PDB file of N, CA and C in Angstrom:
ATOM      1  N   GLY A   1      10.264  -9.384  -4.991  1.00  0.00           N
ATOM      2  CA  GLY A   1      10.141  -8.054  -4.434  1.00  0.00           C
ATOM      3  C   GLY A   1       9.779  -7.014  -5.485  1.00  0.00           C
ATOM      4  N   THR A   2      10.514  -7.020  -6.587  1.00  0.00           N
ATOM      5  CA  THR A   2      10.277  -6.019  -7.631  1.00  0.00           C
ATOM      6  C   THR A   2       8.901  -6.188  -8.246  1.00  0.00           C
ATOM      7  N   GLU A   3       8.503  -7.432  -8.499  1.00  0.00           N
ATOM      8  CA  GLU A   3       7.186  -7.683  -9.092  1.00  0.00           C
ATOM      9  C   GLU A   3       6.086  -7.141  -8.183  1.00  0.00           C
ATOM     10  N   ASN A   4       6.232  -7.321  -6.882  1.00  0.00           N
ATOM     11  CA  ASN A   4       5.242  -6.845  -5.926  1.00  0.00           C
ATOM     12  C   ASN A   4       5.163  -5.318  -5.943  1.00  0.00           C
ATOM     13  N   LEU A   5       6.307  -4.649  -6.044  1.00  0.00           N
ATOM     14  CA  LEU A   5       6.320  -3.185  -6.091  1.00  0.00           C
ATOM     15  C   LEU A   5       5.583  -2.675  -7.320  1.00  0.00           C
ATOM     16  N   LYS A   6       5.793  -3.331  -8.471  1.00  0.00           N
ATOM     17  CA  LYS A   6       5.104  -2.929  -9.693  1.00  0.00           C
ATOM     18  C   LYS A   6       3.605  -3.091  -9.523  1.00  0.00           C
ATOM     19  N   ARG A   7       3.190  -4.182  -8.896  1.00  0.00           N
ATOM     20  CA  ARG A   7       1.761  -4.438  -8.693  1.00  0.00           C
ATOM     21  C   ARG A   7       1.163  -3.350  -7.799  1.00  0.00           C
ATOM     22  N   ILE A   8       1.839  -2.988  -6.718  1.00  0.00           N
ATOM     23  CA  ILE A   8       1.348  -1.958  -5.799  1.00  0.00           C
ATOM     24  C   ILE A   8       1.267  -0.612  -6.521  1.00  0.00           C
ATOM     25  N   TYR A   9       2.278  -0.295  -7.330  1.00  0.00           N
ATOM     26  CA  TYR A   9       2.297   0.975  -8.072  1.00  0.00           C
ATOM     27  C   TYR A   9       1.101   1.049  -9.016  1.00  0.00           C
ATOM     28  N   ARG A  10       0.823  -0.053  -9.708  1.00  0.00           N
ATOM     29  CA  ARG A  10      -0.311  -0.081 -10.630  1.00  0.00           C
ATOM     30  C   ARG A  10      -1.617   0.087  -9.855  1.00  0.00           C
ATOM     31  N   PHE A  11      -1.712  -0.564  -8.698  1.00  0.00           N
ATOM     32  CA  PHE A  11      -2.907  -0.449  -7.862  1.00  0.00           C
ATOM     33  C   PHE A  11      -3.130   1.010  -7.440  1.00  0.00           C
ATOM     34  N   GLU A  12      -2.065   1.673  -7.017  1.00  0.00           N
ATOM     35  CA  GLU A  12      -2.180   3.064  -6.581  1.00  0.00           C
ATOM     36  C   GLU A  12      -2.590   3.971  -7.735  1.00  0.00           C
ATOM     37  N   LYS A  13      -2.113   3.681  -8.933  1.00  0.00           N
ATOM     38  CA  LYS A  13      -2.467   4.504 -10.095  1.00  0.00           C
ATOM     39  C   LYS A  13      -3.963   4.447 -10.366  1.00  0.00           C
ATOM     40  N   ASP A  14      -4.566   3.278 -10.177  1.00  0.00           N
ATOM     41  CA  ASP A  14      -5.977   3.093 -10.515  1.00  0.00           C
ATOM     42  C   ASP A  14      -6.913   3.395  -9.346  1.00  0.00           C
ATOM     43  N   ALA A  15      -6.376   3.437  -8.137  1.00  0.00           N
ATOM     44  CA  ALA A  15      -7.231   3.586  -6.960  1.00  0.00           C
ATOM     45  C   ALA A  15      -7.428   5.059  -6.598  1.00  0.00           C
ATOM     46  N   SER A  16      -8.484   5.317  -5.842  1.00  0.00           N
ATOM     47  CA  SER A  16      -8.719   6.670  -5.345  1.00  0.00           C
ATOM     48  C   SER A  16      -7.794   6.949  -4.157  1.00  0.00           C
ATOM     49  N   LEU A  17      -7.628   8.212  -3.824  1.00  0.00           N
ATOM     50  CA  LEU A  17      -6.741   8.590  -2.725  1.00  0.00           C
ATOM     51  C   LEU A  17      -7.207   7.966  -1.414  1.00  0.00           C
ATOM     52  N   LYS A  18      -8.513   7.965  -1.180  1.00  0.00           N
ATOM     53  CA  LYS A  18      -9.052   7.403   0.057  1.00  0.00           C
ATOM     54  C   LYS A  18      -8.719   5.920   0.169  1.00  0.00           C
ATOM     55  N   ARG A  19      -8.838   5.200  -0.935  1.00  0.00           N
ATOM     56  CA  ARG A  19      -8.547   3.769  -0.925  1.00  0.00           C
ATOM     57  C   ARG A  19      -7.066   3.525  -0.640  1.00  0.00           C
ATOM     58  N   ILE A  20      -6.215   4.366  -1.218  1.00  0.00           N
ATOM     59  CA  ILE A  20      -4.776   4.238  -0.966  1.00  0.00           C
ATOM     60  C   ILE A  20      -4.470   4.483   0.512  1.00  0.00           C
ATOM     61  N   LEU A  21      -5.056   5.526   1.083  1.00  0.00           N
ATOM     62  CA  LEU A  21      -4.816   5.844   2.491  1.00  0.00           C
ATOM     63  C   LEU A  21      -5.299   4.709   3.392  1.00  0.00           C
ATOM     64  N   SER A  22      -6.437   4.118   3.059  1.00  0.00           N
ATOM     65  CA  SER A  22      -6.951   2.991   3.837  1.00  0.00           C
ATOM     66  C   SER A  22      -5.984   1.821   3.756  1.00  0.00           C
ATOM     67  N   PHE A  23      -5.451   1.568   2.572  1.00  0.00           N
ATOM     68  CA  PHE A  23      -4.489   0.482   2.382  1.00  0.00           C
ATOM     69  C   PHE A  23      -3.222   0.737   3.188  1.00  0.00           C
ATOM     70  N   MET A  24      -2.730   1.979   3.171  1.00  0.00           N
ATOM     71  CA  MET A  24      -1.532   2.331   3.922  1.00  0.00           C
ATOM     72  C   MET A  24      -1.769   2.163   5.425  1.00  0.00           C
ATOM     73  N   GLU A  25      -2.943   2.581   5.892  1.00  0.00           N
ATOM     74  CA  GLU A  25      -3.272   2.447   7.311  1.00  0.00           C
ATOM     75  C   GLU A  25      -3.305   0.970   7.704  1.00  0.00           C
ATOM     76  N   TYR A  26      -3.889   0.129   6.858  1.00  0.00           N
ATOM     77  CA  TYR A  26      -3.964  -1.313   7.104  1.00  0.00           C
ATOM     78  C   TYR A  26      -2.563  -1.902   7.227  1.00  0.00           C
ATOM     79  N   LYS A  27      -1.661  -1.509   6.324  1.00  0.00           N
ATOM     80  CA  LYS A  27      -0.288  -2.003   6.380  1.00  0.00           C
ATOM     81  C   LYS A  27       0.398  -1.532   7.655  1.00  0.00           C
ATOM     82  N   THR A  28       0.140  -0.280   8.078  1.00  0.00           N
ATOM     83  CA  THR A  28       0.768   0.257   9.285  1.00  0.00           C
ATOM     84  C   THR A  28       0.331  -0.525  10.522  1.00  0.00           C
ATOM     85  N   VAL A  29      -0.935  -0.926  10.554  1.00  0.00           N
ATOM     86  CA  VAL A  29      -1.456  -1.689  11.689  1.00  0.00           C
ATOM     87  C   VAL A  29      -0.735  -3.029  11.803  1.00  0.00           C
ATOM     88  N   TRP A  30      -0.507  -3.703  10.680  1.00  0.00           N
ATOM     89  CA  TRP A  30       0.106  -5.031  10.705  1.00  0.00           C
ATOM     90  C   TRP A  30       1.628  -4.974  10.723  1.00  0.00           C
ATOM     91  N   HIS A  31       2.217  -3.833  10.320  1.00  0.00           N
ATOM     92  CA  HIS A  31       3.670  -3.699  10.298  1.00  0.00           C
ATOM     93  C   HIS A  31       4.061  -2.391  10.988  1.00  0.00           C
ATOM     94  N   PRO A  32       3.919  -2.341  12.308  1.00  0.00           N
ATOM     95  CA  PRO A  32       4.207  -1.105  13.042  1.00  0.00           C
ATOM     96  C   PRO A  32       5.663  -0.667  12.872  1.00  0.00           C
ATOM     97  N   ILE A  33       5.939   0.583  13.178  1.00  0.00           N
ATOM     98  CA  ILE A  33       7.301   1.116  13.068  1.00  0.00           C
ATOM     99  C   ILE A  33       8.242   0.309  13.965  1.00  0.00           C
ATOM    100  N   GLY A  34       9.386  -0.060  13.414  1.00  0.00           N
ATOM    101  CA  GLY A  34      10.372  -0.829  14.162  1.00  0.00           C
ATOM    102  C   GLY A  34      10.466  -2.261  13.672  1.00  0.00           C
ATOM    103  N   ILE A  35       9.531  -2.677  12.838  1.00  0.00           N
ATOM    104  CA  ILE A  35       9.574  -4.049  12.304  1.00  0.00           C
ATOM    105  C   ILE A  35       9.980  -3.997  10.840  1.00  0.00           C
TER     106      ILE A  35
END
């Protein structure tokens, strides 16, 4: 779990805001609220 969080944090640091928002939207589609 912790290793994955570090990887995501590093990805967000290097990525543009638009890319981050697209990634967040993708995660929301596959993991809707309540799961």
